PDB file of all heavy atoms in Angstrom:
ATOM      1  N   PHE A   1       9.939  -4.297   5.124  1.00  0.00           N
ATOM      2  CA  PHE A   1      11.016  -4.733   6.011  1.00  0.00           C
ATOM      3  C   PHE A   1      12.200  -5.345   5.245  1.00  0.00           C
ATOM      4  O   PHE A   1      13.352  -5.016   5.500  1.00  0.00           O
ATOM      5  CB  PHE A   1      10.468  -5.733   7.029  1.00  0.00           C
ATOM      6  CG  PHE A   1      11.512  -6.262   7.962  1.00  0.00           C
ATOM      7  CD1 PHE A   1      12.028  -5.471   8.969  1.00  0.00           C
ATOM      8  CD2 PHE A   1      12.000  -7.558   7.829  1.00  0.00           C
ATOM      9  CE1 PHE A   1      13.001  -5.948   9.831  1.00  0.00           C
ATOM     10  CE2 PHE A   1      12.962  -8.064   8.698  1.00  0.00           C
ATOM     11  CZ  PHE A   1      13.462  -7.236   9.689  1.00  0.00           C
ATOM     12  N   HIS A   2      11.918  -6.235   4.316  1.00  0.00           N
ATOM     13  CA  HIS A   2      12.995  -6.890   3.598  1.00  0.00           C
ATOM     14  C   HIS A   2      13.773  -5.914   2.726  1.00  0.00           C
ATOM     15  O   HIS A   2      14.971  -6.079   2.501  1.00  0.00           O
ATOM     16  CB  HIS A   2      12.454  -8.050   2.761  1.00  0.00           C
ATOM     17  CG  HIS A   2      11.979  -9.200   3.583  1.00  0.00           C
ATOM     18  ND1 HIS A   2      12.836 -10.065   4.221  1.00  0.00           N
ATOM     19  CD2 HIS A   2      10.729  -9.626   3.874  1.00  0.00           C
ATOM     20  CE1 HIS A   2      12.134 -10.999   4.875  1.00  0.00           C
ATOM     21  NE2 HIS A   2      10.855 -10.747   4.689  1.00  0.00           N
ATOM     22  N   LEU A   3      13.112  -4.906   2.232  1.00  0.00           N
ATOM     23  CA  LEU A   3      13.809  -3.890   1.449  1.00  0.00           C
ATOM     24  C   LEU A   3      14.748  -3.078   2.346  1.00  0.00           C
ATOM     25  O   LEU A   3      15.862  -2.715   1.946  1.00  0.00           O
ATOM     26  CB  LEU A   3      12.794  -2.961   0.777  1.00  0.00           C
ATOM     27  CG  LEU A   3      11.779  -3.605  -0.176  1.00  0.00           C
ATOM     28  CD1 LEU A   3      10.864  -2.558  -0.771  1.00  0.00           C
ATOM     29  CD2 LEU A   3      12.488  -4.411  -1.252  1.00  0.00           C
ATOM     30  N   LYS A   4      14.307  -2.827   3.567  1.00  0.00           N
ATOM     31  CA  LYS A   4      15.145  -2.101   4.519  1.00  0.00           C
ATOM     32  C   LYS A   4      16.388  -2.923   4.856  1.00  0.00           C
ATOM     33  O   LYS A   4      17.508  -2.384   4.937  1.00  0.00           O
ATOM     34  CB  LYS A   4      14.333  -1.803   5.783  1.00  0.00           C
ATOM     35  CG  LYS A   4      15.105  -1.000   6.812  1.00  0.00           C
ATOM     36  CD  LYS A   4      14.224  -0.705   8.033  1.00  0.00           C
ATOM     37  CE  LYS A   4      14.987   0.070   9.105  1.00  0.00           C
ATOM     38  NZ  LYS A   4      14.138   0.319  10.295  1.00  0.00           N
ATOM     39  N   ILE A   5      16.210  -4.232   5.025  1.00  0.00           N
ATOM     40  CA  ILE A   5      17.331  -5.118   5.337  1.00  0.00           C
ATOM     41  C   ILE A   5      18.359  -5.113   4.193  1.00  0.00           C
ATOM     42  O   ILE A   5      19.570  -5.172   4.399  1.00  0.00           O
ATOM     43  CB  ILE A   5      16.845  -6.567   5.582  1.00  0.00           C
ATOM     44  CG1 ILE A   5      16.008  -6.620   6.865  1.00  0.00           C
ATOM     45  CG2 ILE A   5      18.013  -7.535   5.662  1.00  0.00           C
ATOM     46  CD1 ILE A   5      16.762  -6.269   8.115  1.00  0.00           C
ATOM     47  N   LYS A   6      17.847  -5.008   2.961  1.00  0.00           N
ATOM     48  CA  LYS A   6      18.739  -4.975   1.803  1.00  0.00           C
ATOM     49  C   LYS A   6      19.344  -3.591   1.565  1.00  0.00           C
ATOM     50  O   LYS A   6      20.052  -3.395   0.594  1.00  0.00           O
ATOM     51  CB  LYS A   6      17.946  -5.402   0.544  1.00  0.00           C
ATOM     52  CG  LYS A   6      17.630  -6.883   0.503  1.00  0.00           C
ATOM     53  CD  LYS A   6      16.994  -7.242  -0.832  1.00  0.00           C
ATOM     54  CE  LYS A   6      16.796  -8.732  -0.959  1.00  0.00           C
ATOM     55  NZ  LYS A   6      16.223  -9.086  -2.284  1.00  0.00           N
ATOM     56  N   LYS A   7      18.995  -2.669   2.452  1.00  0.00           N
ATOM     57  CA  LYS A   7      19.517  -1.297   2.373  1.00  0.00           C
ATOM     58  C   LYS A   7      19.119  -0.599   1.063  1.00  0.00           C
ATOM     59  O   LYS A   7      19.889   0.161   0.479  1.00  0.00           O
ATOM     60  CB  LYS A   7      21.056  -1.287   2.526  1.00  0.00           C
ATOM     61  CG  LYS A   7      21.527  -1.898   3.855  1.00  0.00           C
ATOM     62  CD  LYS A   7      22.996  -1.671   4.051  1.00  0.00           C
ATOM     63  CE  LYS A   7      23.536  -2.351   5.316  1.00  0.00           C
ATOM     64  NZ  LYS A   7      22.744  -2.080   6.517  1.00  0.00           N
ATOM     65  N   ILE A   8      17.879  -0.844   0.656  1.00  0.00           N
ATOM     66  CA  ILE A   8      17.326  -0.120  -0.473  1.00  0.00           C
ATOM     67  C   ILE A   8      17.091   1.334  -0.039  1.00  0.00           C
ATOM     68  O   ILE A   8      16.663   1.574   1.090  1.00  0.00           O
ATOM     69  CB  ILE A   8      15.978  -0.755  -0.921  1.00  0.00           C
ATOM     70  CG1 ILE A   8      16.200  -2.226  -1.305  1.00  0.00           C
ATOM     71  CG2 ILE A   8      15.365  -0.008  -2.076  1.00  0.00           C
ATOM     72  CD1 ILE A   8      17.069  -2.461  -2.472  1.00  0.00           C
ATOM     73  N   PRO A   9      17.376   2.310  -0.890  1.00  0.00           N
ATOM     74  CA  PRO A   9      17.152   3.725  -0.509  1.00  0.00           C
ATOM     75  C   PRO A   9      15.723   3.950  -0.021  1.00  0.00           C
ATOM     76  O   PRO A   9      14.778   3.391  -0.585  1.00  0.00           O
ATOM     77  CB  PRO A   9      17.443   4.484  -1.799  1.00  0.00           C
ATOM     78  CG  PRO A   9      18.414   3.606  -2.538  1.00  0.00           C
ATOM     79  CD  PRO A   9      18.006   2.193  -2.230  1.00  0.00           C
ATOM     80  N   LYS A  10      15.588   4.775   1.003  1.00  0.00           N
ATOM     81  CA  LYS A  10      14.286   4.998   1.621  1.00  0.00           C
ATOM     82  C   LYS A  10      13.224   5.482   0.626  1.00  0.00           C
ATOM     83  O   LYS A  10      12.084   4.994   0.679  1.00  0.00           O
ATOM     84  CB  LYS A  10      14.422   6.012   2.752  1.00  0.00           C
ATOM     85  CG  LYS A  10      13.190   6.123   3.627  1.00  0.00           C
ATOM     86  CD  LYS A  10      13.457   6.970   4.863  1.00  0.00           C
ATOM     87  CE  LYS A  10      12.228   7.031   5.751  1.00  0.00           C
ATOM     88  NZ  LYS A  10      12.472   7.856   6.966  1.00  0.00           N
ATOM     89  N   PRO A  11      13.533   6.431  -0.304  1.00  0.00           N
ATOM     90  CA  PRO A  11      12.512   6.838  -1.268  1.00  0.00           C
ATOM     91  C   PRO A  11      11.999   5.669  -2.119  1.00  0.00           C
ATOM     92  O   PRO A  11      10.818   5.603  -2.446  1.00  0.00           O
ATOM     93  CB  PRO A  11      13.235   7.882  -2.129  1.00  0.00           C
ATOM     94  CG  PRO A  11      14.296   8.407  -1.229  1.00  0.00           C
ATOM     95  CD  PRO A  11      14.764   7.236  -0.441  1.00  0.00           C
ATOM     96  N   ASP A  12      12.908   4.723  -2.473  1.00  0.00           N
ATOM     97  CA  ASP A  12      12.500   3.565  -3.273  1.00  0.00           C
ATOM     98  C   ASP A  12      11.604   2.628  -2.459  1.00  0.00           C
ATOM     99  O   ASP A  12      10.629   2.079  -2.971  1.00  0.00           O
ATOM    100  CB  ASP A  12      13.732   2.820  -3.762  1.00  0.00           C
ATOM    101  CG  ASP A  12      14.473   3.547  -4.861  1.00  0.00           C
ATOM    102  OD1 ASP A  12      13.874   4.459  -5.470  1.00  0.00           O
ATOM    103  OD2 ASP A  12      15.648   3.226  -5.116  1.00  0.00           O
ATOM    104  N   ILE A  13      11.936   2.500  -1.183  1.00  0.00           N
ATOM    105  CA  ILE A  13      11.098   1.669  -0.297  1.00  0.00           C
ATOM    106  C   ILE A  13       9.692   2.247  -0.211  1.00  0.00           C
ATOM    107  O   ILE A  13       8.690   1.528  -0.360  1.00  0.00           O
ATOM    108  CB  ILE A  13      11.712   1.540   1.104  1.00  0.00           C
ATOM    109  CG1 ILE A  13      13.024   0.773   1.045  1.00  0.00           C
ATOM    110  CG2 ILE A  13      10.722   0.849   2.064  1.00  0.00           C
ATOM    111  CD1 ILE A  13      13.740   0.672   2.383  1.00  0.00           C
ATOM    112  N   GLN A  14       9.610   3.541   0.027  1.00  0.00           N
ATOM    113  CA  GLN A  14       8.299   4.193   0.151  1.00  0.00           C
ATOM    114  C   GLN A  14       7.485   4.042  -1.141  1.00  0.00           C
ATOM    115  O   GLN A  14       6.275   3.800  -1.103  1.00  0.00           O
ATOM    116  CB  GLN A  14       8.484   5.660   0.492  1.00  0.00           C
ATOM    117  CG  GLN A  14       9.084   5.893   1.898  1.00  0.00           C
ATOM    118  CD  GLN A  14       9.418   7.355   2.165  1.00  0.00           C
ATOM    119  OE1 GLN A  14       9.629   8.139   1.229  1.00  0.00           O
ATOM    120  NE2 GLN A  14       9.481   7.719   3.433  1.00  0.00           N
ATOM    121  N   ARG A  15       8.172   4.186  -2.277  1.00  0.00           N
ATOM    122  CA  ARG A  15       7.460   4.060  -3.566  1.00  0.00           C
ATOM    123  C   ARG A  15       6.925   2.656  -3.774  1.00  0.00           C
ATOM    124  O   ARG A  15       5.754   2.465  -4.120  1.00  0.00           O
ATOM    125  CB  ARG A  15       8.411   4.436  -4.710  1.00  0.00           C
ATOM    126  CG  ARG A  15       7.811   4.193  -6.114  1.00  0.00           C
ATOM    127  CD  ARG A  15       8.827   4.496  -7.195  1.00  0.00           C
ATOM    128  NE  ARG A  15      10.048   3.710  -7.057  1.00  0.00           N
ATOM    129  CZ  ARG A  15      10.151   2.447  -7.458  1.00  0.00           C
ATOM    130  NH1 ARG A  15       9.090   1.807  -7.987  1.00  0.00           N
ATOM    131  NH2 ARG A  15      11.299   1.795  -7.308  1.00  0.00           N
ATOM    132  N   ARG A  16       7.767   1.655  -3.512  1.00  0.00           N
ATOM    133  CA  ARG A  16       7.354   0.269  -3.733  1.00  0.00           C
ATOM    134  C   ARG A  16       6.290  -0.173  -2.736  1.00  0.00           C
ATOM    135  O   ARG A  16       5.365  -0.934  -3.076  1.00  0.00           O
ATOM    136  CB  ARG A  16       8.586  -0.645  -3.698  1.00  0.00           C
ATOM    137  CG  ARG A  16       9.402  -0.497  -4.966  1.00  0.00           C
ATOM    138  CD  ARG A  16      10.844  -0.953  -4.850  1.00  0.00           C
ATOM    139  NE  ARG A  16      11.000  -2.404  -4.715  1.00  0.00           N
ATOM    140  CZ  ARG A  16      12.194  -2.999  -4.804  1.00  0.00           C
ATOM    141  NH1 ARG A  16      13.304  -2.303  -5.019  1.00  0.00           N
ATOM    142  NH2 ARG A  16      12.272  -4.322  -4.685  1.00  0.00           N
ATOM    143  N   VAL A  17       6.384   0.293  -1.504  1.00  0.00           N
ATOM    144  CA  VAL A  17       5.347   0.002  -0.510  1.00  0.00           C
ATOM    145  C   VAL A  17       4.014   0.616  -0.926  1.00  0.00           C
ATOM    146  O   VAL A  17       2.953  -0.003  -0.836  1.00  0.00           O
ATOM    147  CB  VAL A  17       5.766   0.489   0.879  1.00  0.00           C
ATOM    148  CG1 VAL A  17       4.577   0.425   1.858  1.00  0.00           C
ATOM    149  CG2 VAL A  17       6.918  -0.368   1.433  1.00  0.00           C
ATOM    150  N   ALA A  18       4.062   1.867  -1.397  1.00  0.00           N
ATOM    151  CA  ALA A  18       2.838   2.543  -1.824  1.00  0.00           C
ATOM    152  C   ALA A  18       2.204   1.841  -3.019  1.00  0.00           C
ATOM    153  O   ALA A  18       0.966   1.690  -3.105  1.00  0.00           O
ATOM    154  CB  ALA A  18       3.159   4.004  -2.181  1.00  0.00           C
ATOM    155  N   GLU A  19       3.037   1.379  -3.949  1.00  0.00           N
ATOM    156  CA  GLU A  19       2.511   0.687  -5.125  1.00  0.00           C
ATOM    157  C   GLU A  19       1.851  -0.638  -4.711  1.00  0.00           C
ATOM    158  O   GLU A  19       0.772  -0.987  -5.199  1.00  0.00           O
ATOM    159  CB  GLU A  19       3.643   0.422  -6.110  1.00  0.00           C
ATOM    160  CG  GLU A  19       4.152   1.654  -6.817  1.00  0.00           C
ATOM    161  CD  GLU A  19       5.373   1.389  -7.669  1.00  0.00           C
ATOM    162  OE1 GLU A  19       5.912   0.248  -7.585  1.00  0.00           O
ATOM    163  OE2 GLU A  19       5.814   2.297  -8.420  1.00  0.00           O
ATOM    164  N   ALA A  20       2.492  -1.375  -3.806  1.00  0.00           N
ATOM    165  CA  ALA A  20       1.923  -2.646  -3.360  1.00  0.00           C
ATOM    166  C   ALA A  20       0.634  -2.416  -2.570  1.00  0.00           C
ATOM    167  O   ALA A  20      -0.342  -3.154  -2.734  1.00  0.00           O
ATOM    168  CB  ALA A  20       2.941  -3.384  -2.481  1.00  0.00           C
ATOM    169  N   ALA A  21       0.611  -1.376  -1.746  1.00  0.00           N
ATOM    170  CA  ALA A  21      -0.584  -1.062  -0.957  1.00  0.00           C
ATOM    171  C   ALA A  21      -1.747  -0.709  -1.871  1.00  0.00           C
ATOM    172  O   ALA A  21      -2.884  -1.094  -1.595  1.00  0.00           O
ATOM    173  CB  ALA A  21      -0.284   0.086   0.009  1.00  0.00           C
ATOM    174  N   LYS A  22      -1.462  -0.004  -2.950  1.00  0.00           N
ATOM    175  CA  LYS A  22      -2.528   0.342  -3.889  1.00  0.00           C
ATOM    176  C   LYS A  22      -3.060  -0.898  -4.585  1.00  0.00           C
ATOM    177  O   LYS A  22      -4.295  -1.070  -4.748  1.00  0.00           O
ATOM    178  CB  LYS A  22      -1.992   1.360  -4.919  1.00  0.00           C
ATOM    179  CG  LYS A  22      -3.058   1.855  -5.883  1.00  0.00           C
ATOM    180  CD  LYS A  22      -2.489   2.938  -6.809  1.00  0.00           C
ATOM    181  CE  LYS A  22      -3.588   3.468  -7.734  1.00  0.00           C
ATOM    182  NZ  LYS A  22      -3.059   4.513  -8.646  1.00  0.00           N
ATOM    183  N   LEU A  23      -2.166  -1.790  -4.998  1.00  0.00           N
ATOM    184  CA  LEU A  23      -2.583  -3.024  -5.641  1.00  0.00           C
ATOM    185  C   LEU A  23      -3.477  -3.868  -4.728  1.00  0.00           C
ATOM    186  O   LEU A  23      -4.427  -4.491  -5.190  1.00  0.00           O
ATOM    187  CB  LEU A  23      -1.347  -3.874  -6.027  1.00  0.00           C
ATOM    188  CG  LEU A  23      -0.600  -3.558  -7.317  1.00  0.00           C
ATOM    189  CD1 LEU A  23       0.638  -4.408  -7.400  1.00  0.00           C
ATOM    190  CD2 LEU A  23      -1.517  -3.820  -8.524  1.00  0.00           C
ATOM    191  N   LEU A  24      -3.159  -3.850  -3.455  1.00  0.00           N
ATOM    192  CA  LEU A  24      -3.828  -4.729  -2.483  1.00  0.00           C
ATOM    193  C   LEU A  24      -4.910  -4.028  -1.670  1.00  0.00           C
ATOM    194  O   LEU A  24      -5.456  -4.625  -0.724  1.00  0.00           O
ATOM    195  CB  LEU A  24      -2.792  -5.339  -1.530  1.00  0.00           C
ATOM    196  CG  LEU A  24      -1.758  -6.235  -2.208  1.00  0.00           C
ATOM    197  CD1 LEU A  24      -0.556  -6.473  -1.307  1.00  0.00           C
ATOM    198  CD2 LEU A  24      -2.396  -7.566  -2.600  1.00  0.00           C
ATOM    199  N   ASP A  25      -5.204  -2.792  -2.038  1.00  0.00           N
ATOM    200  CA  ASP A  25      -6.233  -2.021  -1.337  1.00  0.00           C
ATOM    201  C   ASP A  25      -5.919  -1.923   0.163  1.00  0.00           C
ATOM    202  O   ASP A  25      -6.797  -2.124   1.022  1.00  0.00           O
ATOM    203  CB  ASP A  25      -7.619  -2.682  -1.543  1.00  0.00           C
ATOM    204  CG  ASP A  25      -8.759  -1.753  -1.154  1.00  0.00           C
ATOM    205  OD1 ASP A  25      -8.551  -0.505  -1.156  1.00  0.00           O
ATOM    206  OD2 ASP A  25      -9.857  -2.244  -0.847  1.00  0.00           O
ATOM    207  N   LEU A  26      -4.668  -1.573   0.458  1.00  0.00           N
ATOM    208  CA  LEU A  26      -4.222  -1.414   1.835  1.00  0.00           C
ATOM    209  C   LEU A  26      -3.802  -0.001   2.161  1.00  0.00           C
ATOM    210  O   LEU A  26      -3.211   0.266   3.216  1.00  0.00           O
ATOM    211  CB  LEU A  26      -3.046  -2.362   2.107  1.00  0.00           C
ATOM    212  CG  LEU A  26      -3.326  -3.851   2.164  1.00  0.00           C
ATOM    213  CD1 LEU A  26      -2.036  -4.644   2.206  1.00  0.00           C
ATOM    214  CD2 LEU A  26      -4.221  -4.197   3.344  1.00  0.00           C
ATOM    215  N   GLU A  27      -4.108   0.932   1.280  1.00  0.00           N
ATOM    216  CA  GLU A  27      -3.634   2.313   1.465  1.00  0.00           C
ATOM    217  C   GLU A  27      -4.139   2.940   2.739  1.00  0.00           C
ATOM    218  O   GLU A  27      -3.446   3.784   3.338  1.00  0.00           O
ATOM    219  CB  GLU A  27      -4.038   3.165   0.257  1.00  0.00           C
ATOM    220  CG  GLU A  27      -3.343   2.765  -1.040  1.00  0.00           C
ATOM    221  CD  GLU A  27      -3.864   3.523  -2.246  1.00  0.00           C
ATOM    222  OE1 GLU A  27      -5.036   3.281  -2.610  1.00  0.00           O
ATOM    223  OE2 GLU A  27      -3.125   4.346  -2.812  1.00  0.00           O
ATOM    224  N   ASP A  28      -5.332   2.549   3.212  1.00  0.00           N
ATOM    225  CA  ASP A  28      -5.902   3.151   4.412  1.00  0.00           C
ATOM    226  C   ASP A  28      -5.414   2.492   5.685  1.00  0.00           C
ATOM    227  O   ASP A  28      -5.807   2.889   6.782  1.00  0.00           O
ATOM    228  CB  ASP A  28      -7.427   3.061   4.346  1.00  0.00           C
ATOM    229  CG  ASP A  28      -8.018   3.920   3.227  1.00  0.00           C
ATOM    230  OD1 ASP A  28      -7.359   4.878   2.825  1.00  0.00           O
ATOM    231  OD2 ASP A  28      -9.130   3.590   2.753  1.00  0.00           O
ATOM    232  N   TYR A  29      -4.569   1.452   5.537  1.00  0.00           N
ATOM    233  CA  TYR A  29      -4.161   0.666   6.717  1.00  0.00           C
ATOM    234  C   TYR A  29      -2.657   0.706   6.961  1.00  0.00           C
ATOM    235  O   TYR A  29      -2.149  -0.009   7.822  1.00  0.00           O
ATOM    236  CB  TYR A  29      -4.605  -0.786   6.553  1.00  0.00           C
ATOM    237  CG  TYR A  29      -6.073  -0.934   6.254  1.00  0.00           C
ATOM    238  CD1 TYR A  29      -6.523  -1.122   4.963  1.00  0.00           C
ATOM    239  CD2 TYR A  29      -7.002  -0.918   7.270  1.00  0.00           C
ATOM    240  CE1 TYR A  29      -7.880  -1.259   4.675  1.00  0.00           C
ATOM    241  CE2 TYR A  29      -8.359  -1.043   7.020  1.00  0.00           C
ATOM    242  CZ  TYR A  29      -8.794  -1.210   5.702  1.00  0.00           C
ATOM    243  OH  TYR A  29     -10.110  -1.347   5.442  1.00  0.00           O
ATOM    244  N   LEU A  30      -1.929   1.533   6.241  1.00  0.00           N
ATOM    245  CA  LEU A  30      -0.472   1.496   6.305  1.00  0.00           C
ATOM    246  C   LEU A  30       0.079   1.853   7.684  1.00  0.00           C
ATOM    247  O   LEU A  30       1.177   1.403   8.057  1.00  0.00           O
ATOM    248  CB  LEU A  30       0.122   2.459   5.264  1.00  0.00           C
ATOM    249  CG  LEU A  30      -0.017   2.001   3.810  1.00  0.00           C
ATOM    250  CD1 LEU A  30       0.480   3.079   2.832  1.00  0.00           C
ATOM    251  CD2 LEU A  30       0.722   0.700   3.565  1.00  0.00           C
ATOM    252  N   ASP A  31      -0.657   2.623   8.469  1.00  0.00           N
ATOM    253  CA  ASP A  31      -0.176   3.011   9.798  1.00  0.00           C
ATOM    254  C   ASP A  31      -0.693   2.111  10.915  1.00  0.00           C
ATOM    255  O   ASP A  31      -0.370   2.357  12.103  1.00  0.00           O
ATOM    256  CB  ASP A  31      -0.582   4.469  10.086  1.00  0.00           C
ATOM    257  CG  ASP A  31       0.109   5.454   9.148  1.00  0.00           C
ATOM    258  OD1 ASP A  31       1.261   5.179   8.770  1.00  0.00           O
ATOM    259  OD2 ASP A  31      -0.494   6.475   8.796  1.00  0.00           O
ATOM    260  N   ARG A  32      -1.457   1.096  10.556  1.00  0.00           N
ATOM    261  CA  ARG A  32      -1.995   0.201  11.593  1.00  0.00           C
ATOM    262  C   ARG A  32      -1.035  -0.944  11.897  1.00  0.00           C
ATOM    263  O   ARG A  32      -0.200  -1.327  11.092  1.00  0.00           O
ATOM    264  CB  ARG A  32      -3.327  -0.389  11.138  1.00  0.00           C
ATOM    265  CG  ARG A  32      -4.451   0.624  11.021  1.00  0.00           C
ATOM    266  CD  ARG A  32      -5.774  -0.085  10.856  1.00  0.00           C
ATOM    267  NE  ARG A  32      -6.859   0.852  10.566  1.00  0.00           N
ATOM    268  CZ  ARG A  32      -8.142   0.504  10.440  1.00  0.00           C
ATOM    269  NH1 ARG A  32      -8.479  -0.771  10.584  1.00  0.00           N
ATOM    270  NH2 ARG A  32      -9.052   1.420  10.148  1.00  0.00           N
ATOM    271  N   LYS A  33      -1.179  -1.493  13.108  1.00  0.00           N
ATOM    272  CA  LYS A  33      -0.449  -2.676  13.510  1.00  0.00           C
ATOM    273  C   LYS A  33      -1.273  -3.929  13.118  1.00  0.00           C
ATOM    274  O   LYS A  33      -2.505  -3.844  12.998  1.00  0.00           O
ATOM    275  CB  LYS A  33      -0.203  -2.682  15.020  1.00  0.00           C
ATOM    276  CG  LYS A  33       0.603  -1.490  15.534  1.00  0.00           C
ATOM    277  CD  LYS A  33       2.063  -1.618  15.168  1.00  0.00           C
ATOM    278  CE  LYS A  33       2.872  -0.430  15.709  1.00  0.00           C
ATOM    279  NZ  LYS A  33       2.920  -0.411  17.179  1.00  0.00           N
ATOM    280  N   PRO A  34      -0.627  -5.073  12.918  1.00  0.00           N
ATOM    281  CA  PRO A  34      -1.361  -6.291  12.519  1.00  0.00           C
ATOM    282  C   PRO A  34      -2.530  -6.653  13.427  1.00  0.00           C
ATOM    283  O   PRO A  34      -3.535  -7.203  12.973  1.00  0.00           O
ATOM    284  CB  PRO A  34      -0.264  -7.365  12.543  1.00  0.00           C
ATOM    285  CG  PRO A  34       1.001  -6.619  12.246  1.00  0.00           C
ATOM    286  CD  PRO A  34       0.826  -5.286  12.925  1.00  0.00           C
ATOM    287  N   ALA A  35      -2.405  -6.379  14.716  1.00  0.00           N
ATOM    288  CA  ALA A  35      -3.482  -6.747  15.673  1.00  0.00           C
ATOM    289  C   ALA A  35      -4.778  -6.018  15.341  1.00  0.00           C
ATOM    290  O   ALA A  35      -5.871  -6.494  15.748  1.00  0.00           O
ATOM    291  CB  ALA A  35      -3.039  -6.414  17.082  1.00  0.00           C
ATOM    292  N   LYS A  36      -4.725  -4.888  14.641  1.00  0.00           N
ATOM    293  CA  LYS A  36      -5.923  -4.120  14.310  1.00  0.00           C
ATOM    294  C   LYS A  36      -6.492  -4.479  12.913  1.00  0.00           C
ATOM    295  O   LYS A  36      -7.337  -3.777  12.404  1.00  0.00           O
ATOM    296  CB  LYS A  36      -5.579  -2.622  14.342  1.00  0.00           C
ATOM    297  CG  LYS A  36      -5.128  -2.129  15.699  1.00  0.00           C
ATOM    298  CD  LYS A  36      -6.253  -2.269  16.731  1.00  0.00           C
ATOM    299  CE  LYS A  36      -5.815  -1.741  18.096  1.00  0.00           C
ATOM    300  NZ  LYS A  36      -5.608  -0.311  18.151  1.00  0.00           N
ATOM    301  N   LEU A  37      -5.979  -5.578  12.338  1.00  0.00           N
ATOM    302  CA  LEU A  37      -6.402  -5.981  10.998  1.00  0.00           C
ATOM    303  C   LEU A  37      -7.204  -7.296  11.041  1.00  0.00           C
ATOM    304  O   LEU A  37      -7.030  -8.118  11.953  1.00  0.00           O
ATOM    305  CB  LEU A  37      -5.211  -6.192  10.079  1.00  0.00           C
ATOM    306  CG  LEU A  37      -4.248  -5.000   9.876  1.00  0.00           C
ATOM    307  CD1 LEU A  37      -3.077  -5.426   9.016  1.00  0.00           C
ATOM    308  CD2 LEU A  37      -4.989  -3.812   9.256  1.00  0.00           C
ATOM    309  N   SER A  38      -8.067  -7.506  10.058  1.00  0.00           N
ATOM    310  CA  SER A  38      -8.763  -8.774   9.927  1.00  0.00           C
ATOM    311  C   SER A  38      -7.819  -9.812   9.330  1.00  0.00           C
ATOM    312  O   SER A  38      -6.730  -9.483   8.846  1.00  0.00           O
ATOM    313  CB  SER A  38      -9.986  -8.614   9.023  1.00  0.00           C
ATOM    314  OG  SER A  38      -9.562  -8.347   7.681  1.00  0.00           O
ATOM    315  N   GLY A  39      -8.269 -11.069   9.310  1.00  0.00           N
ATOM    316  CA  GLY A  39      -7.438 -12.137   8.746  1.00  0.00           C
ATOM    317  C   GLY A  39      -7.136 -11.902   7.280  1.00  0.00           C
ATOM    318  O   GLY A  39      -5.993 -12.106   6.833  1.00  0.00           O
ATOM    319  N   GLY A  40      -8.143 -11.465   6.521  1.00  0.00           N
ATOM    320  CA  GLY A  40      -7.913 -11.206   5.100  1.00  0.00           C
ATOM    321  C   GLY A  40      -6.954 -10.054   4.879  1.00  0.00           C
ATOM    322  O   GLY A  40      -6.122 -10.104   3.943  1.00  0.00           O
TER     323      GLY A  40
END
């Protein structure tokens, strides 16, 4: 979201989001809403 607000190019946003998701083991949850996630 904050990258979008800063008007970062969409390909760069997707790349950085994917990298963060991989680091945090969130790759399988990228399409979920927060209500469907555990606290951790």
